Amino acid sequence: LWCALDTNRSGFLTLEKWDCDGYKLLIDFREMCKREYGDLDTAFTFGMDQTGSNTVTFNELASFLESKEFAGDVRALFSALDVNE
């Protein structure tokens, strides 16, 4: 199985190779946060966490992404970021 996944025989399997769409979604999200807020921490604190709860609900993330005209799949992004899932 490993040999089938590690097609370039590098000994590593990156997210980009494992899930190209998920990788692109996360990179696009990170770049948008950096462009709009400078870094992810600032984007979280001043953009996403609308209630100051130190967590971000699906609705908060969806609202944040809509306000930034983010074109990616909100549900897939939330699932990728959700440490409780």
PDB file of N, CA and C in Angstrom:
ATOM      1  N   LEU A   1       0.834  -1.195   0.000  1.00  0.00           N
ATOM      2  CA  LEU A   1       0.000   0.000   0.000  1.00  0.00           C
ATOM      3  C   LEU A   1       0.877   1.256   0.000  1.00  0.00           C
ATOM      4  N   TRP A   2       1.908   1.251   0.869  1.00  0.00           N
ATOM      5  CA  TRP A   2       2.772   2.432   0.954  1.00  0.00           C
ATOM      6  C   TRP A   2       3.395   2.751  -0.395  1.00  0.00           C
ATOM      7  N   CYS A   3       3.904   1.743  -1.082  1.00  0.00           N
ATOM      8  CA  CYS A   3       4.548   1.954  -2.386  1.00  0.00           C
ATOM      9  C   CYS A   3       3.568   2.537  -3.407  1.00  0.00           C
ATOM     10  N   ALA A   4       2.321   2.121  -3.315  1.00  0.00           N
ATOM     11  CA  ALA A   4       1.314   2.655  -4.239  1.00  0.00           C
ATOM     12  C   ALA A   4       1.040   4.127  -3.966  1.00  0.00           C
ATOM     13  N   LEU A   5       1.123   4.540  -2.690  1.00  0.00           N
ATOM     14  CA  LEU A   5       0.871   5.939  -2.341  1.00  0.00           C
ATOM     15  C   LEU A   5       2.108   6.821  -2.540  1.00  0.00           C
ATOM     16  N   ASP A   6       3.281   6.268  -2.283  1.00  0.00           N
ATOM     17  CA  ASP A   6       4.538   7.017  -2.393  1.00  0.00           C
ATOM     18  C   ASP A   6       5.103   6.840  -3.805  1.00  0.00           C
ATOM     19  N   THR A   7       4.432   7.433  -4.773  1.00  0.00           N
ATOM     20  CA  THR A   7       4.759   7.203  -6.184  1.00  0.00           C
ATOM     21  C   THR A   7       6.137   7.703  -6.587  1.00  0.00           C
ATOM     22  N   ASN A   8       6.649   8.725  -5.921  1.00  0.00           N
ATOM     23  CA  ASN A   8       7.975   9.234  -6.284  1.00  0.00           C
ATOM     24  C   ASN A   8       9.077   8.618  -5.424  1.00  0.00           C
ATOM     25  N   ARG A   9       8.703   7.665  -4.562  1.00  0.00           N
ATOM     26  CA  ARG A   9       9.644   6.926  -3.713  1.00  0.00           C
ATOM     27  C   ARG A   9      10.486   7.842  -2.820  1.00  0.00           C
ATOM     28  N   SER A  10       9.878   8.907  -2.331  1.00  0.00           N
ATOM     29  CA  SER A  10      10.597   9.865  -1.488  1.00  0.00           C
ATOM     30  C   SER A  10      10.645   9.420  -0.029  1.00  0.00           C
ATOM     31  N   GLY A  11       9.773   8.508   0.341  1.00  0.00           N
ATOM     32  CA  GLY A  11       9.682   8.108   1.732  1.00  0.00           C
ATOM     33  C   GLY A  11       8.718   8.978   2.528  1.00  0.00           C
ATOM     34  N   PHE A  12       8.083   9.926   1.850  1.00  0.00           N
ATOM     35  CA  PHE A  12       7.154  10.847   2.493  1.00  0.00           C
ATOM     36  C   PHE A  12       5.840  10.870   1.731  1.00  0.00           C
ATOM     37  N   LEU A  13       4.777  11.086   2.463  1.00  0.00           N
ATOM     38  CA  LEU A  13       3.466  11.272   1.862  1.00  0.00           C
ATOM     39  C   LEU A  13       2.919  12.587   2.391  1.00  0.00           C
ATOM     40  N   THR A  14       2.783  13.558   1.530  1.00  0.00           N
ATOM     41  CA  THR A  14       2.317  14.880   1.931  1.00  0.00           C
ATOM     42  C   THR A  14       0.804  14.980   1.786  1.00  0.00           C
ATOM     43  N   LEU A  15       0.226  15.949   2.474  1.00  0.00           N
ATOM     44  CA  LEU A  15      -1.200  16.199   2.320  1.00  0.00           C
ATOM     45  C   LEU A  15      -1.518  16.541   0.871  1.00  0.00           C
ATOM     46  N   GLU A  16      -0.628  17.253   0.228  1.00  0.00           N
ATOM     47  CA  GLU A  16      -0.841  17.619  -1.175  1.00  0.00           C
ATOM     48  C   GLU A  16      -1.022  16.381  -2.045  1.00  0.00           C
ATOM     49  N   LYS A  17      -0.255  15.336  -1.770  1.00  0.00           N
ATOM     50  CA  LYS A  17      -0.398  14.095  -2.545  1.00  0.00           C
ATOM     51  C   LYS A  17      -1.576  13.252  -2.055  1.00  0.00           C
ATOM     52  N   TRP A  18      -1.798  13.233  -0.750  1.00  0.00           N
ATOM     53  CA  TRP A  18      -2.857  12.410  -0.167  1.00  0.00           C
ATOM     54  C   TRP A  18      -4.237  12.949  -0.524  1.00  0.00           C
ATOM     55  N   ASP A  19      -4.413  14.273  -0.398  1.00  0.00           N
ATOM     56  CA  ASP A  19      -5.708  14.914  -0.648  1.00  0.00           C
ATOM     57  C   ASP A  19      -5.458  16.277  -1.288  1.00  0.00           C
ATOM     58  N   CYS A  20      -5.268  16.283  -2.581  1.00  0.00           N
ATOM     59  CA  CYS A  20      -4.913  17.501  -3.310  1.00  0.00           C
ATOM     60  C   CYS A  20      -5.964  18.597  -3.142  1.00  0.00           C
ATOM     61  N   ASP A  21      -7.233  18.240  -3.202  1.00  0.00           N
ATOM     62  CA  ASP A  21      -8.297  19.239  -3.048  1.00  0.00           C
ATOM     63  C   ASP A  21      -8.303  19.824  -1.637  1.00  0.00           C
ATOM     64  N   GLY A  22      -8.151  18.962  -0.628  1.00  0.00           N
ATOM     65  CA  GLY A  22      -8.096  19.438   0.750  1.00  0.00           C
ATOM     66  C   GLY A  22      -6.890  20.331   0.991  1.00  0.00           C
ATOM     67  N   TYR A  23      -5.770  19.950   0.415  1.00  0.00           N
ATOM     68  CA  TYR A  23      -4.546  20.755   0.527  1.00  0.00           C
ATOM     69  C   TYR A  23      -4.773  22.139  -0.063  1.00  0.00           C
ATOM     70  N   LYS A  24      -5.332  22.194  -1.269  1.00  0.00           N
ATOM     71  CA  LYS A  24      -5.573  23.485  -1.922  1.00  0.00           C
ATOM     72  C   LYS A  24      -6.543  24.340  -1.107  1.00  0.00           C
ATOM     73  N   LEU A  25      -7.567  23.730  -0.554  1.00  0.00           N
ATOM     74  CA  LEU A  25      -8.541  24.447   0.267  1.00  0.00           C
ATOM     75  C   LEU A  25      -7.862  25.075   1.484  1.00  0.00           C
ATOM     76  N   LEU A  26      -7.026  24.317   2.176  1.00  0.00           N
ATOM     77  CA  LEU A  26      -6.327  24.827   3.357  1.00  0.00           C
ATOM     78  C   LEU A  26      -5.325  25.921   2.997  1.00  0.00           C
ATOM     79  N   ILE A  27      -4.620  25.751   1.890  1.00  0.00           N
ATOM     80  CA  ILE A  27      -3.655  26.769   1.444  1.00  0.00           C
ATOM     81  C   ILE A  27      -4.389  28.052   1.068  1.00  0.00           C
ATOM     82  N   ASP A  28      -5.488  27.939   0.346  1.00  0.00           N
ATOM     83  CA  ASP A  28      -6.267  29.129  -0.034  1.00  0.00           C
ATOM     84  C   ASP A  28      -6.781  29.858   1.207  1.00  0.00           C
ATOM     85  N   PHE A  29      -7.254  29.092   2.188  1.00  0.00           N
ATOM     86  CA  PHE A  29      -7.739  29.678   3.436  1.00  0.00           C
ATOM     87  C   PHE A  29      -6.611  30.396   4.169  1.00  0.00           C
ATOM     88  N   ARG A  30      -5.474  29.739   4.291  1.00  0.00           N
ATOM     89  CA  ARG A  30      -4.323  30.349   4.973  1.00  0.00           C
ATOM     90  C   ARG A  30      -3.880  31.635   4.272  1.00  0.00           C
ATOM     91  N   GLU A  31      -3.810  31.598   2.962  1.00  0.00           N
ATOM     92  CA  GLU A  31      -3.377  32.779   2.215  1.00  0.00           C
ATOM     93  C   GLU A  31      -4.374  33.934   2.365  1.00  0.00           C
ATOM     94  N   MET A  32      -5.665  33.628   2.369  1.00  0.00           N
ATOM     95  CA  MET A  32      -6.679  34.656   2.566  1.00  0.00           C
ATOM     96  C   MET A  32      -6.540  35.281   3.947  1.00  0.00           C
ATOM     97  N   CYS A  33      -6.337  34.451   4.974  1.00  0.00           N
ATOM     98  CA  CYS A  33      -6.165  34.958   6.347  1.00  0.00           C
ATOM     99  C   CYS A  33      -4.928  35.828   6.451  1.00  0.00           C
ATOM    100  N   LYS A  34      -3.842  35.393   5.853  1.00  0.00           N
ATOM    101  CA  LYS A  34      -2.603  36.174   5.895  1.00  0.00           C
ATOM    102  C   LYS A  34      -2.762  37.497   5.153  1.00  0.00           C
ATOM    103  N   ARG A  35      -3.437  37.467   4.019  1.00  0.00           N
ATOM    104  CA  ARG A  35      -3.647  38.683   3.222  1.00  0.00           C
ATOM    105  C   ARG A  35      -4.532  39.689   3.959  1.00  0.00           C
ATOM    106  N   GLU A  36      -5.588  39.208   4.576  1.00  0.00           N
ATOM    107  CA  GLU A  36      -6.566  40.076   5.229  1.00  0.00           C
ATOM    108  C   GLU A  36      -6.159  40.515   6.644  1.00  0.00           C
ATOM    109  N   TYR A  37      -5.434  39.632   7.374  1.00  0.00           N
ATOM    110  CA  TYR A  37      -5.156  39.887   8.794  1.00  0.00           C
ATOM    111  C   TYR A  37      -3.678  39.811   9.173  1.00  0.00           C
ATOM    112  N   GLY A  38      -2.843  39.353   8.274  1.00  0.00           N
ATOM    113  CA  GLY A  38      -1.419  39.242   8.567  1.00  0.00           C
ATOM    114  C   GLY A  38      -0.994  37.858   9.015  1.00  0.00           C
ATOM    115  N   ASP A  39      -1.858  37.176   9.767  1.00  0.00           N
ATOM    116  CA  ASP A  39      -1.566  35.802  10.193  1.00  0.00           C
ATOM    117  C   ASP A  39      -2.861  35.116  10.638  1.00  0.00           C
ATOM    118  N   LEU A  40      -2.760  33.827  10.874  1.00  0.00           N
ATOM    119  CA  LEU A  40      -3.941  33.043  11.248  1.00  0.00           C
ATOM    120  C   LEU A  40      -4.463  33.384  12.639  1.00  0.00           C
ATOM    121  N   ASP A  41      -3.561  33.638  13.575  1.00  0.00           N
ATOM    122  CA  ASP A  41      -3.996  33.971  14.936  1.00  0.00           C
ATOM    123  C   ASP A  41      -4.844  35.239  14.959  1.00  0.00           C
ATOM    124  N   THR A  42      -4.402  36.254  14.244  1.00  0.00           N
ATOM    125  CA  THR A  42      -5.142  37.517  14.192  1.00  0.00           C
ATOM    126  C   THR A  42      -6.472  37.326  13.480  1.00  0.00           C
ATOM    127  N   ALA A  43      -6.466  36.532  12.404  1.00  0.00           N
ATOM    128  CA  ALA A  43      -7.713  36.246  11.690  1.00  0.00           C
ATOM    129  C   ALA A  43      -8.693  35.525  12.599  1.00  0.00           C
ATOM    130  N   PHE A  44      -8.199  34.598  13.404  1.00  0.00           N
ATOM    131  CA  PHE A  44      -9.061  33.877  14.342  1.00  0.00           C
ATOM    132  C   PHE A  44      -9.654  34.834  15.375  1.00  0.00           C
ATOM    133  N   THR A  45      -8.779  35.626  15.994  1.00  0.00           N
ATOM    134  CA  THR A  45      -9.200  36.497  17.094  1.00  0.00           C
ATOM    135  C   THR A  45     -10.136  37.606  16.645  1.00  0.00           C
ATOM    136  N   PHE A  46      -9.810  38.261  15.539  1.00  0.00           N
ATOM    137  CA  PHE A  46     -10.562  39.442  15.129  1.00  0.00           C
ATOM    138  C   PHE A  46     -11.525  39.219  13.964  1.00  0.00           C
ATOM    139  N   GLY A  47     -11.484  38.028  13.378  1.00  0.00           N
ATOM    140  CA  GLY A  47     -12.370  37.765  12.253  1.00  0.00           C
ATOM    141  C   GLY A  47     -13.345  36.634  12.478  1.00  0.00           C
ATOM    142  N   MET A  48     -12.818  35.501  12.890  1.00  0.00           N
ATOM    143  CA  MET A  48     -13.653  34.299  12.977  1.00  0.00           C
ATOM    144  C   MET A  48     -14.399  34.155  14.297  1.00  0.00           C
ATOM    145  N   ASP A  49     -13.721  34.364  15.425  1.00  0.00           N
ATOM    146  CA  ASP A  49     -14.319  34.149  16.749  1.00  0.00           C
ATOM    147  C   ASP A  49     -15.184  35.350  17.122  1.00  0.00           C
ATOM    148  N   GLN A  50     -16.389  35.376  16.592  1.00  0.00           N
ATOM    149  CA  GLN A  50     -17.273  36.527  16.737  1.00  0.00           C
ATOM    150  C   GLN A  50     -17.819  36.697  18.155  1.00  0.00           C
ATOM    151  N   THR A  51     -17.787  35.636  18.960  1.00  0.00           N
ATOM    152  CA  THR A  51     -18.350  35.722  20.310  1.00  0.00           C
ATOM    153  C   THR A  51     -17.280  35.814  21.390  1.00  0.00           C
ATOM    154  N   GLY A  52     -16.011  35.717  21.019  1.00  0.00           N
ATOM    155  CA  GLY A  52     -14.936  35.755  22.007  1.00  0.00           C
ATOM    156  C   GLY A  52     -14.839  34.490  22.841  1.00  0.00           C
ATOM    157  N   SER A  53     -15.342  33.391  22.339  1.00  0.00           N
ATOM    158  CA  SER A  53     -15.387  32.131  23.083  1.00  0.00           C
ATOM    159  C   SER A  53     -14.108  31.298  22.936  1.00  0.00           C
ATOM    160  N   ASN A  54     -13.193  31.776  22.139  1.00  0.00           N
ATOM    161  CA  ASN A  54     -11.964  31.037  21.812  1.00  0.00           C
ATOM    162  C   ASN A  54     -12.241  29.751  21.046  1.00  0.00           C
ATOM    163  N   THR A  55     -13.396  29.708  20.415  1.00  0.00           N
ATOM    164  CA  THR A  55     -13.751  28.620  19.507  1.00  0.00           C
ATOM    165  C   THR A  55     -14.440  29.255  18.298  1.00  0.00           C
ATOM    166  N   VAL A  56     -14.536  28.488  17.241  1.00  0.00           N
ATOM    167  CA  VAL A  56     -15.245  28.969  16.049  1.00  0.00           C
ATOM    168  C   VAL A  56     -16.252  27.902  15.636  1.00  0.00           C
ATOM    169  N   THR A  57     -17.511  28.282  15.620  1.00  0.00           N
ATOM    170  CA  THR A  57     -18.565  27.367  15.187  1.00  0.00           C
ATOM    171  C   THR A  57     -18.609  27.354  13.660  1.00  0.00           C
ATOM    172  N   PHE A  58     -19.343  26.385  13.142  1.00  0.00           N
ATOM    173  CA  PHE A  58     -19.528  26.340  11.691  1.00  0.00           C
ATOM    174  C   PHE A  58     -20.140  27.638  11.190  1.00  0.00           C
ATOM    175  N   ASN A  59     -21.161  28.147  11.903  1.00  0.00           N
ATOM    176  CA  ASN A  59     -21.823  29.375  11.460  1.00  0.00           C
ATOM    177  C   ASN A  59     -20.882  30.575  11.491  1.00  0.00           C
ATOM    178  N   GLU A  60     -20.017  30.646  12.497  1.00  0.00           N
ATOM    179  CA  GLU A  60     -19.047  31.740  12.561  1.00  0.00           C
ATOM    180  C   GLU A  60     -18.066  31.658  11.396  1.00  0.00           C
ATOM    181  N   LEU A  61     -17.581  30.449  11.126  1.00  0.00           N
ATOM    182  CA  LEU A  61     -16.653  30.283  10.009  1.00  0.00           C
ATOM    183  C   LEU A  61     -17.335  30.614   8.689  1.00  0.00           C
ATOM    184  N   ALA A  62     -18.554  30.138   8.516  1.00  0.00           N
ATOM    185  CA  ALA A  62     -19.294  30.403   7.279  1.00  0.00           C
ATOM    186  C   ALA A  62     -19.514  31.902   7.083  1.00  0.00           C
ATOM    187  N   SER A  63     -19.876  32.595   8.136  1.00  0.00           N
ATOM    188  CA  SER A  63     -20.087  34.043   8.067  1.00  0.00           C
ATOM    189  C   SER A  63     -18.783  34.769   7.734  1.00  0.00           C
ATOM    190  N   PHE A  64     -17.708  34.362   8.391  1.00  0.00           N
ATOM    191  CA  PHE A  64     -16.397  34.943   8.129  1.00  0.00           C
ATOM    192  C   PHE A  64     -15.999  34.753   6.666  1.00  0.00           C
ATOM    193  N   LEU A  65     -16.132  33.534   6.168  1.00  0.00           N
ATOM    194  CA  LEU A  65     -15.729  33.243   4.794  1.00  0.00           C
ATOM    195  C   LEU A  65     -16.606  33.965   3.784  1.00  0.00           C
ATOM    196  N   GLU A  66     -17.885  34.063   4.077  1.00  0.00           N
ATOM    197  CA  GLU A  66     -18.791  34.792   3.185  1.00  0.00           C
ATOM    198  C   GLU A  66     -18.402  36.267   3.122  1.00  0.00           C
ATOM    199  N   SER A  67     -18.043  36.851   4.252  1.00  0.00           N
ATOM    200  CA  SER A  67     -17.670  38.268   4.274  1.00  0.00           C
ATOM    201  C   SER A  67     -16.372  38.520   3.512  1.00  0.00           C
ATOM    202  N   LYS A  68     -15.558  37.489   3.357  1.00  0.00           N
ATOM    203  CA  LYS A  68     -14.290  37.612   2.623  1.00  0.00           C
ATOM    204  C   LYS A  68     -14.414  37.098   1.194  1.00  0.00           C
ATOM    205  N   GLU A  69     -15.637  36.707   0.816  1.00  0.00           N
ATOM    206  CA  GLU A  69     -15.921  36.172  -0.519  1.00  0.00           C
ATOM    207  C   GLU A  69     -15.036  34.981  -0.855  1.00  0.00           C
ATOM    208  N   PHE A  70     -14.833  34.119   0.138  1.00  0.00           N
ATOM    209  CA  PHE A  70     -14.040  32.907  -0.036  1.00  0.00           C
ATOM    210  C   PHE A  70     -14.835  31.915  -0.876  1.00  0.00           C
ATOM    211  N   ALA A  71     -14.219  31.410  -1.930  1.00  0.00           N
ATOM    212  CA  ALA A  71     -14.935  30.570  -2.887  1.00  0.00           C
ATOM    213  C   ALA A  71     -14.885  29.080  -2.561  1.00  0.00           C
ATOM    214  N   GLY A  72     -14.130  28.697  -1.543  1.00  0.00           N
ATOM    215  CA  GLY A  72     -13.970  27.281  -1.239  1.00  0.00           C
ATOM    216  C   GLY A  72     -15.168  26.662  -0.542  1.00  0.00           C
ATOM    217  N   ASP A  73     -15.113  25.366  -0.365  1.00  0.00           N
ATOM    218  CA  ASP A  73     -16.167  24.581   0.263  1.00  0.00           C
ATOM    219  C   ASP A  73     -16.100  24.771   1.785  1.00  0.00           C
ATOM    220  N   VAL A  74     -17.059  25.498   2.329  1.00  0.00           N
ATOM    221  CA  VAL A  74     -17.068  25.844   3.755  1.00  0.00           C
ATOM    222  C   VAL A  74     -17.173  24.595   4.621  1.00  0.00           C
ATOM    223  N   ARG A  75     -18.046  23.687   4.282  1.00  0.00           N
ATOM    224  CA  ARG A  75     -18.242  22.474   5.088  1.00  0.00           C
ATOM    225  C   ARG A  75     -16.954  21.640   5.104  1.00  0.00           C
ATOM    226  N   ALA A  76     -16.308  21.485   3.953  1.00  0.00           N
ATOM    227  CA  ALA A  76     -15.060  20.710   3.879  1.00  0.00           C
ATOM    228  C   ALA A  76     -13.957  21.391   4.681  1.00  0.00           C
ATOM    229  N   LEU A  77     -13.883  22.715   4.614  1.00  0.00           N
ATOM    230  CA  LEU A  77     -12.874  23.442   5.369  1.00  0.00           C
ATOM    231  C   LEU A  77     -13.113  23.299   6.873  1.00  0.00           C
ATOM    232  N   PHE A  78     -14.357  23.452   7.307  1.00  0.00           N
ATOM    233  CA  PHE A  78     -14.668  23.300   8.734  1.00  0.00           C
ATOM    234  C   PHE A  78     -14.298  21.888   9.208  1.00  0.00           C
ATOM    235  N   SER A  79     -14.612  20.905   8.413  1.00  0.00           N
ATOM    236  CA  SER A  79     -14.282  19.535   8.770  1.00  0.00           C
ATOM    237  C   SER A  79     -12.774  19.337   8.869  1.00  0.00           C
ATOM    238  N   ALA A  80     -12.029  19.936   7.966  1.00  0.00           N
ATOM    239  CA  ALA A  80     -10.566  19.812   7.975  1.00  0.00           C
ATOM    240  C   ALA A  80      -9.952  20.502   9.189  1.00  0.00           C
ATOM    241  N   LEU A  81     -10.565  21.572   9.656  1.00  0.00           N
ATOM    242  CA  LEU A  81     -10.037  22.349  10.772  1.00  0.00           C
ATOM    243  C   LEU A  81     -10.556  21.882  12.131  1.00  0.00           C
ATOM    244  N   ASP A  82     -11.633  21.112  12.153  1.00  0.00           N
ATOM    245  CA  ASP A  82     -12.293  20.728  13.398  1.00  0.00           C
ATOM    246  C   ASP A  82     -11.487  19.657  14.133  1.00  0.00           C
ATOM    247  N   VAL A  83     -10.839  20.033  15.223  1.00  0.00           N
ATOM    248  CA  VAL A  83     -10.016  19.096  15.982  1.00  0.00           C
ATOM    249  C   VAL A  83     -10.870  18.100  16.767  1.00  0.00           C
ATOM    250  N   ASN A  84     -12.145  18.367  16.910  1.00  0.00           N
ATOM    251  CA  ASN A  84     -13.034  17.465  17.650  1.00  0.00           C
ATOM    252  C   ASN A  84     -13.665  16.394  16.779  1.00  0.00           C
ATOM    253  N   GLU A  85     -13.416  16.455  15.491  1.00  0.00           N
ATOM    254  CA  GLU A  85     -14.054  15.489  14.582  1.00  0.00           C
ATOM    255  C   GLU A  85     -13.188  14.283  14.397  1.00  0.00           C
TER     256      GLU A  85
END
